[in-house]
Every structure is written in C-alpha cells, then in structure tokens.
C-alpha cells in the first residue's frame, strides 16, 4: 500500500501495518514493505492430549492428538485461560523451535491420529499450520483447529483441503459481548463457522457461559437456533462452565442450573448432541442416541468408552446412524 504500509489477510481484522509496526496479534511485522510472521515454528506449548480435550466428541473419539500452541492472539478476551501465552509478545514467553517435519514425526512416534493447533488462536500461525497440515495429510494424520473463528475467508479456503476438524468457540450471540470482552465482532465468527461446514470440515461449537455477561436464556436460545439452522441439528454443542480467571476473576462460577437450562434449550430446539463441560461427574457429558436415548459413549474425565456404538457408527440398540467420524 502507499507509504510502505502492508495489509494482512490472515484474519478478519485485515490489519493495515506501517513500516516497522506489528499487527493486532503482535506476531506479524512490516519489514521494508513486506509482512513477515515472527512465529513460524515457534512453539510455547506441546502435549499429547485426548481429542476430547479440544473439545471434540464426535471426531476420532478415544484417540490422542499431538497438540501445539504458539504465542499471541487476535482477540483480547478478559477471561482467557491461556493469557500467559496468548496475551504476550514473543520475547516474553519461553519457546522452542519445532518445524513442520518435527511436528509430524512427534505425532507419529506418539501414536497420535491427529495434530491439533490449540492453546492460542491458530489462524495467526497460518503459514506454519498450513505447511504442517500438508505434510500431515500425506502421512494420514488429521488436522484440527481449536479456534475463535476469526480466520479470514481467503485463509480458510486455502487450508480447507488439509483441515479436518474445526472446534469453534462462539463466545456469545451478542456483538456487544464480543466488543467489550474480546475486542472483536460476532459476524466474522459466524461466517467462518458456516464456511467451515460448507467446505466439508467436522465442526463442533463451544459456548462458555459467563454469569451476567452471556447467560440469558434468550441469547442461548438464539445461538442454538442459529447453529441448528446454519450448521445442522447434528452439530455437537458444548456448554461449558466458567471459573473466575484473569480479568474476570471477580465473577462467580457458572451455576450448574444455568448450564442445565442451556442443555434443555438445545434439546427443545431439536439439537441431537448436546454436552455440559467443565463439570466433573455430570451425565450430560456422555453421548446418547438421539432416537432411543441409549448410552453410546461414556465419558468420565478423559476416560472414554464407546461400547454403545457398532463398528459402523450405529446405535447398538435401535441401529440409528450416529454422526461421528472414527
């Protein structure tokens, strides 16, 4: 652009960056009129996780995923659980270099069936995730984005052939919440979630319910209706419990009754697979047949058994086909 400025197209912010300056995510810099990523191969967190931790309940259940995170984010969420990496600059976090070939080899040697980009927003790590995803697909390893959904249409379409699962956090169904709590907007998140479904990805929706901020039953119902009408009634929905943290540490944890009300609303609106998360011991963390109610997948923490499913993903009791990828 004029005056040596550059425009970034990785996420929906489309930052215009002046010479020597950084984008909103603080990981992309204009150097002499060219935009550079500062975090290619830069890893702050690496772990072998159960796929259910993402959370993904209908994608390769009972498997493990080699999980990677970097530094920075294109949101400023006041409740971020990983703010010590997401809200920091690259020089403020201890990191190691793991190149795409190394990531793939570590996933294979760990017996993982997938690689997940998680812990902070993967879209800002686009070049690295794209290169890793291409290598992984050649080796038969699936790729997961655990995302806030702010990736641009151009970037999402580019990585789509190599991106298998999209666990998207729809934080609220109110633009005011996104502006006040996340420094972002709602509409781009909805667009990317819908596009991910259209491009053939496995999509699951997460909604962290925060007392006084996004917990009205009217808002929850509107969100559920949007998911049903735009992503499909078979889309798994996870209503998760908030605990006081970071800049929202003065708020109380989400009452269990609120989570149960959200669960009931989703069932009333004909959603097939609804879950309550961050609540140890709840039976609403299991998967039940939407036709006969038979218990199909039991979850106790990350101890998961799929005894109620046939080998071709049908209910053993009534033979209903279950929307799940194994």
Protein backbone atom coordinates (compact mmCIF):
# COMPACT_ATOMS: atom_id res chain seq x y z
CA UNK A 1 0.00 0.00 0.00
CA UNK A 2 1.00 3.66 -0.03
CA UNK A 3 3.76 4.88 2.29
CA UNK A 4 5.17 1.35 2.61
CA UNK A 5 2.17 0.04 4.52
CA UNK A 6 1.03 -3.58 4.16
CA UNK A 7 -2.35 -5.24 4.67
CA UNK A 8 -2.66 -8.63 6.36
CA UNK A 9 -5.32 -11.06 5.09
CA UNK A 10 -4.90 -13.91 7.59
CA UNK A 11 -7.79 -12.94 9.86
CA UNK A 12 -10.88 -10.77 9.63
CA UNK A 13 -9.14 -7.82 11.23
CA UNK A 14 -7.21 -7.26 8.00
CA UNK A 15 -4.71 -5.07 9.83
CA UNK A 16 -3.00 -2.28 7.90
CA UNK A 17 0.54 -2.23 9.26
CA UNK A 18 3.00 0.64 8.92
CA UNK A 19 6.74 0.15 8.43
CA UNK A 20 8.32 -1.47 11.48
CA UNK A 21 4.99 -1.93 13.23
CA UNK A 22 3.04 -5.07 14.21
CA UNK A 23 -0.46 -6.33 13.56
CA UNK A 24 -3.04 -6.61 16.35
CA UNK A 25 -1.83 -10.15 17.12
CA UNK A 26 1.73 -8.83 17.70
CA UNK A 27 3.16 -11.73 15.69
CA UNK A 28 3.29 -10.21 12.20
CA UNK A 29 5.56 -7.30 11.32
CA UNK A 30 6.05 -4.95 8.39
CA UNK A 31 9.72 -5.03 7.43
CA UNK A 32 10.63 -2.82 4.47
CA UNK A 33 7.15 -3.05 2.98
CA UNK A 34 6.77 -6.82 3.38
CA UNK A 35 4.71 -8.63 6.02
CA UNK A 36 6.58 -11.28 7.98
CA UNK A 37 5.40 -13.83 10.51
CA UNK A 38 7.55 -13.86 13.62
CA UNK A 39 6.31 -17.21 14.92
CA UNK A 40 6.98 -19.79 12.20
CA UNK A 41 7.95 -22.95 14.08
CA UNK A 42 7.84 -21.08 17.40
CA UNK A 43 6.16 -23.34 19.98
CA UNK A 44 5.23 -22.31 23.51
CA UNK A 45 3.27 -25.48 24.39
CA UNK A 46 3.34 -29.06 23.13
CA UNK A 47 1.49 -32.04 24.55
CA UNK A 48 -0.19 -35.33 23.70
CA UNK A 49 -3.83 -34.72 24.60
CA UNK A 50 -7.04 -36.75 24.41
CA UNK A 51 -9.02 -35.46 21.43
CA UNK A 52 -11.91 -34.91 23.87
CA UNK A 53 -9.91 -32.09 25.49
CA UNK A 54 -10.28 -29.88 22.41
CA UNK A 55 -13.29 -30.46 22.95
CA UNK A 56 -14.14 -32.77 20.06
CA UNK A 57 -16.59 -35.53 20.99
CA UNK A 58 -17.60 -36.75 17.53
CA UNK A 59 -14.20 -36.73 15.84
CA UNK A 60 -11.90 -39.72 16.35
CA UNK A 61 -13.14 -40.46 19.88
CA UNK A 62 -10.77 -42.28 22.23
CA UNK A 63 -7.77 -41.11 20.20
CA UNK A 64 -4.92 -38.78 21.11
CA UNK A 65 -3.89 -35.58 19.34
CA UNK A 66 -0.43 -34.02 19.23
CA UNK A 67 -1.24 -30.51 20.40
CA UNK A 68 0.76 -27.37 19.68
CA UNK A 69 0.44 -23.73 20.64
CA UNK A 70 2.48 -20.62 19.95
CA UNK A 71 2.37 -17.01 21.20
CA UNK A 72 -0.15 -14.22 20.65
CA UNK A 73 -3.80 -13.88 19.66
CA UNK A 74 -6.09 -11.71 17.56
CA UNK A 75 -8.54 -11.42 20.49
CA UNK A 76 -8.14 -9.78 23.90
CA UNK A 77 -10.51 -11.98 25.92
CA UNK A 78 -10.78 -10.83 29.53
CA UNK A 79 -11.38 -14.41 30.68
CA UNK A 80 -8.59 -16.12 28.72
CA UNK A 81 -7.38 -19.32 30.39
CA UNK A 82 -4.10 -19.19 28.46
CA UNK A 83 -3.35 -15.47 28.73
CA UNK A 84 0.27 -16.18 29.71
CA UNK A 85 0.90 -17.13 26.07
CA UNK A 86 -1.99 -15.57 24.14
CA UNK A 87 -1.63 -12.05 25.53
CA UNK A 88 2.16 -11.88 25.44
CA UNK A 89 4.79 -10.83 22.92
CA UNK A 90 7.19 -13.39 21.54
CA UNK A 91 10.04 -12.08 23.69
CA UNK A 92 8.00 -12.57 26.87
CA UNK A 93 7.45 -16.33 26.57
CA UNK A 94 9.81 -19.30 26.68
CA UNK A 95 9.58 -21.11 23.36
CA UNK A 96 11.25 -23.86 21.35
CA UNK A 97 11.51 -24.44 17.61
CA UNK A 98 9.51 -27.34 16.18
CA UNK A 99 9.47 -27.32 12.38
CA UNK A 100 6.64 -29.00 10.43
CA UNK A 101 8.65 -32.18 9.82
CA UNK A 102 9.45 -32.40 13.53
CA UNK A 103 5.80 -31.90 14.50
CA UNK A 104 4.72 -34.71 12.19
CA UNK A 105 7.41 -37.08 13.45
CA UNK A 106 6.46 -36.36 17.06
CA UNK A 107 2.80 -37.03 16.31
CA UNK A 108 3.63 -40.32 14.60
CA UNK A 109 6.02 -41.51 17.31
CA UNK A 110 3.42 -40.67 19.98
CA UNK A 111 0.75 -42.76 18.27
CA UNK A 112 -1.47 -39.73 17.67
CA UNK A 113 -4.07 -39.81 14.92
CA UNK A 114 -4.20 -36.03 14.61
CA UNK A 115 -2.31 -32.79 15.17
CA UNK A 116 -4.23 -30.02 16.93
CA UNK A 117 -3.34 -26.35 16.80
CA UNK A 118 -4.68 -25.10 20.10
CA UNK A 119 -3.90 -23.26 23.38
CA UNK A 120 -3.95 -19.94 21.47
CA UNK A 121 -5.52 -18.88 18.16
CA UNK A 122 -4.11 -20.99 15.28
CA UNK A 123 -5.06 -18.56 12.50
CA UNK A 124 -2.24 -16.17 13.44
CA UNK A 125 0.13 -19.16 12.96
CA UNK A 126 -1.27 -19.72 9.49
CA UNK A 127 1.87 -20.34 7.44
CA UNK A 128 3.19 -22.89 9.92
CA UNK A 129 -0.14 -24.67 10.36
CA UNK A 130 -0.63 -24.80 6.58
CA UNK A 131 2.79 -26.35 5.91
CA UNK A 132 2.38 -28.82 8.77
CA UNK A 133 -1.12 -29.76 7.62
CA UNK A 134 0.05 -30.59 4.11
CA UNK A 135 2.76 -32.89 5.43
CA UNK A 136 0.40 -34.49 7.92
CA UNK A 137 -2.18 -35.34 5.28
CA UNK A 138 0.44 -37.09 3.19
CA UNK A 139 1.13 -39.27 6.24
CA UNK A 140 -2.54 -39.92 7.04
CA UNK A 141 -2.65 -37.65 10.10
CA UNK A 142 -5.70 -35.44 10.57
CA UNK A 143 -5.52 -31.71 11.39
CA UNK A 144 -7.59 -29.84 13.98
CA UNK A 145 -8.09 -26.12 14.58
CA UNK A 146 -9.28 -25.11 18.05
CA UNK A 147 -10.27 -21.61 17.11
CA UNK A 148 -12.08 -18.37 17.90
CA UNK A 149 -13.32 -18.39 14.31
CA UNK A 150 -11.75 -15.10 13.22
CA UNK A 151 -9.77 -16.61 10.33
CA UNK A 152 -10.39 -14.84 7.01
CA UNK A 153 -12.35 -16.49 4.22
CA UNK A 154 -9.27 -16.45 1.98
CA UNK A 155 -7.11 -18.22 4.56
CA UNK A 156 -9.82 -20.73 5.48
CA UNK A 157 -10.40 -21.68 1.86
CA UNK A 158 -6.67 -22.08 1.35
CA UNK A 159 -6.14 -24.50 4.24
CA UNK A 160 -9.50 -26.26 3.86
CA UNK A 161 -8.19 -29.26 1.84
CA UNK A 162 -5.93 -30.10 4.79
CA UNK A 163 -8.11 -29.07 7.75
CA UNK A 164 -10.31 -31.87 9.07
CA UNK A 165 -11.92 -30.55 12.26
CA UNK A 166 -12.94 -27.07 13.40
CA UNK A 167 -13.72 -26.70 17.10
CA UNK A 168 -15.08 -23.16 17.12
CA UNK A 169 -15.72 -21.08 20.23
CA UNK A 170 -18.82 -18.94 19.68
CA UNK A 171 -18.37 -16.88 22.80
CA UNK A 172 -21.71 -15.09 22.71
CA UNK A 173 -24.56 -14.32 20.35
CA UNK A 174 -24.31 -10.59 21.11
CA UNK A 175 -21.96 -8.22 19.31
CA UNK A 176 -21.71 -6.10 22.46
CA UNK A 177 -20.12 -9.01 24.32
CA UNK A 178 -17.55 -9.50 21.59
CA UNK A 179 -16.69 -5.81 21.60
CA UNK A 180 -16.46 -5.46 25.38
CA UNK A 181 -14.93 -8.81 26.39
CA UNK A 182 -12.94 -9.87 23.30
CA UNK A 183 -12.22 -6.65 21.34
CA UNK A 184 -13.77 -8.34 18.31
CA UNK A 185 -17.05 -8.81 16.39
CA UNK A 186 -19.57 -11.64 16.21
CA UNK A 187 -20.40 -11.71 12.48
CA UNK A 188 -16.99 -12.92 11.21
CA UNK A 189 -17.09 -15.85 13.67
CA UNK A 190 -20.48 -16.96 12.38
CA UNK A 191 -19.33 -16.62 8.77
CA UNK A 192 -16.25 -18.77 9.28
CA UNK A 193 -18.17 -21.46 11.20
CA UNK A 194 -20.69 -21.70 8.39
CA UNK A 195 -17.96 -21.72 5.73
CA UNK A 196 -16.04 -24.46 7.55
CA UNK A 197 -19.16 -26.63 7.42
CA UNK A 198 -19.69 -25.83 3.72
CA UNK A 199 -16.07 -26.76 2.98
CA UNK A 200 -16.60 -30.20 4.49
CA UNK A 201 -14.88 -29.87 7.86
CA UNK A 202 -16.14 -31.55 11.00
CA UNK A 203 -17.49 -28.70 13.15
CA UNK A 204 -18.26 -28.62 16.87
CA UNK A 205 -19.39 -25.49 18.73
CA UNK A 206 -18.25 -24.42 22.19
CA UNK A 207 -20.06 -21.77 24.28
CA UNK A 208 -18.52 -20.79 27.61
CA UNK A 209 -21.38 -19.39 29.70
CA UNK A 210 -20.23 -16.47 31.88
CA UNK A 211 -22.59 -15.24 34.62
CA UNK A 212 -24.14 -11.79 33.91
CA UNK A 213 -22.38 -11.48 30.55
CA UNK A 214 -23.76 -14.07 28.11
CA UNK A 215 -26.04 -16.23 30.27
CA UNK A 216 -29.51 -15.02 29.32
CA UNK A 217 -31.73 -17.87 28.20
CA UNK A 218 -32.97 -15.75 25.29
CA UNK A 219 -29.43 -15.34 23.96
CA UNK A 220 -28.65 -19.02 24.44
CA UNK A 221 -31.79 -19.99 22.50
CA UNK A 222 -30.87 -17.64 19.65
CA UNK A 223 -27.40 -19.17 19.46
CA UNK A 224 -28.80 -22.69 19.41
CA UNK A 225 -31.28 -21.79 16.68
CA UNK A 226 -28.51 -20.28 14.57
CA UNK A 227 -26.34 -23.40 14.93
CA UNK A 228 -29.27 -25.67 14.06
CA UNK A 229 -30.29 -23.64 11.01
CA UNK A 230 -26.79 -22.92 9.66
CA UNK A 231 -24.58 -25.82 10.77
CA UNK A 232 -27.15 -28.59 11.20
CA UNK A 233 -29.01 -30.24 14.07
CA UNK A 234 -26.30 -32.93 14.26
CA UNK A 235 -23.61 -30.36 15.21
CA UNK A 236 -22.28 -31.14 18.70
CA UNK A 237 -22.77 -28.21 21.09
CA UNK A 238 -20.69 -27.84 24.25
CA UNK A 239 -21.95 -25.53 27.01
CA UNK A 240 -19.03 -25.12 29.38
CA UNK A 241 -18.68 -23.80 32.89
CA UNK A 242 -16.83 -20.54 33.56
CA UNK A 243 -14.46 -20.26 36.50
CA UNK A 244 -13.14 -16.88 37.74
CA UNK A 245 -9.89 -16.08 35.97
CA UNK A 246 -7.66 -13.34 34.54
CA UNK A 247 -9.56 -10.02 34.29
CA UNK A 248 -12.93 -11.61 35.18
CA UNK A 249 -11.73 -13.08 38.46
CA UNK A 250 -14.43 -11.27 40.47
CA UNK A 251 -17.30 -13.11 38.77
CA UNK A 252 -18.71 -16.34 40.25
CA UNK A 253 -18.52 -19.74 38.54
CA UNK A 254 -21.42 -20.57 36.25
CA UNK A 255 -24.31 -22.06 38.25
CA UNK A 256 -24.99 -25.66 37.28
CA UNK A 257 -28.67 -24.73 36.82
CA UNK A 258 -27.73 -22.29 34.03
CA UNK A 259 -25.81 -25.00 32.20
CA UNK A 260 -28.69 -27.44 32.59
CA UNK A 261 -31.10 -24.80 31.27
CA UNK A 262 -28.86 -24.30 28.23
CA UNK A 263 -28.79 -28.07 27.70
CA UNK A 264 -32.59 -28.23 27.89
CA UNK A 265 -33.00 -25.34 25.45
CA UNK A 266 -30.75 -27.03 22.91
CA UNK A 267 -32.75 -30.24 23.24
CA UNK A 268 -36.02 -28.30 22.88
CA UNK A 269 -34.64 -26.80 19.67
CA UNK A 270 -34.02 -30.34 18.32
CA UNK A 271 -30.24 -30.43 18.61
CA UNK A 272 -29.15 -34.07 18.63
CA UNK A 273 -25.87 -33.90 20.55
CA UNK A 274 -25.56 -31.50 23.49
CA UNK A 275 -22.94 -31.53 26.24
CA UNK A 276 -22.12 -29.82 29.52
CA UNK A 277 -18.40 -29.29 30.08
CA UNK A 278 -16.09 -28.33 32.95
CA UNK A 279 -18.45 -30.05 35.41
CA UNK A 280 -16.92 -33.26 36.80
CA UNK A 281 -19.27 -36.21 37.11
CA UNK A 282 -22.18 -34.91 35.01
CA UNK A 283 -24.07 -37.47 32.94
CA UNK A 284 -24.59 -34.74 30.33
CA UNK A 285 -21.02 -35.22 29.19
CA UNK A 286 -21.98 -38.55 27.60
CA UNK A 287 -23.28 -39.23 24.11
CA UNK A 288 -26.78 -40.69 23.84
CA UNK A 289 -28.67 -41.97 20.82
CA UNK A 290 -30.91 -39.15 19.56
CA UNK A 291 -33.55 -41.72 18.61
CA UNK A 292 -33.86 -44.12 21.56
CA UNK A 293 -31.74 -42.46 24.27
CA UNK A 294 -29.30 -45.36 24.62
CA UNK A 295 -25.92 -44.52 26.16
CA UNK A 296 -23.41 -44.70 23.29
CA UNK A 297 -20.20 -43.07 24.58
CA UNK A 298 -19.47 -42.76 28.28
CA UNK A 299 -17.01 -40.09 29.45
CA UNK A 300 -15.52 -39.89 32.91
CA UNK A 301 -12.99 -37.09 32.64
CA UNK A 302 -10.87 -38.20 29.71
CA UNK A 303 -11.61 -41.88 30.27
CA UNK A 304 -13.84 -42.66 27.28
CA UNK A 305 -15.61 -45.86 26.21
CA UNK A 306 -17.64 -46.31 23.01
CA UNK A 307 -19.42 -49.54 23.97
CA UNK A 308 -22.83 -48.45 22.66
CA UNK A 309 -21.67 -47.95 19.07
CA UNK A 310 -21.36 -50.54 16.35
CA UNK A 311 -18.24 -50.62 14.18
CA UNK A 312 -20.08 -48.64 11.50
CA UNK A 313 -21.22 -45.93 13.96
CA UNK A 314 -24.76 -47.05 14.66
CA UNK A 315 -26.65 -47.36 17.90
CA UNK A 316 -26.41 -50.97 19.06
CA UNK A 317 -29.98 -50.85 20.37
CA UNK A 318 -32.00 -49.25 17.54
CA UNK A 319 -29.49 -49.13 14.65
CA UNK A 320 -29.78 -45.37 14.22
CA UNK A 321 -26.81 -43.90 12.32
CA UNK A 322 -24.76 -41.61 14.58
CA UNK A 323 -22.98 -38.60 13.10
CA UNK A 324 -19.43 -39.32 14.21
CA UNK A 325 -16.05 -39.66 12.50
CA UNK A 326 -13.83 -42.50 13.70
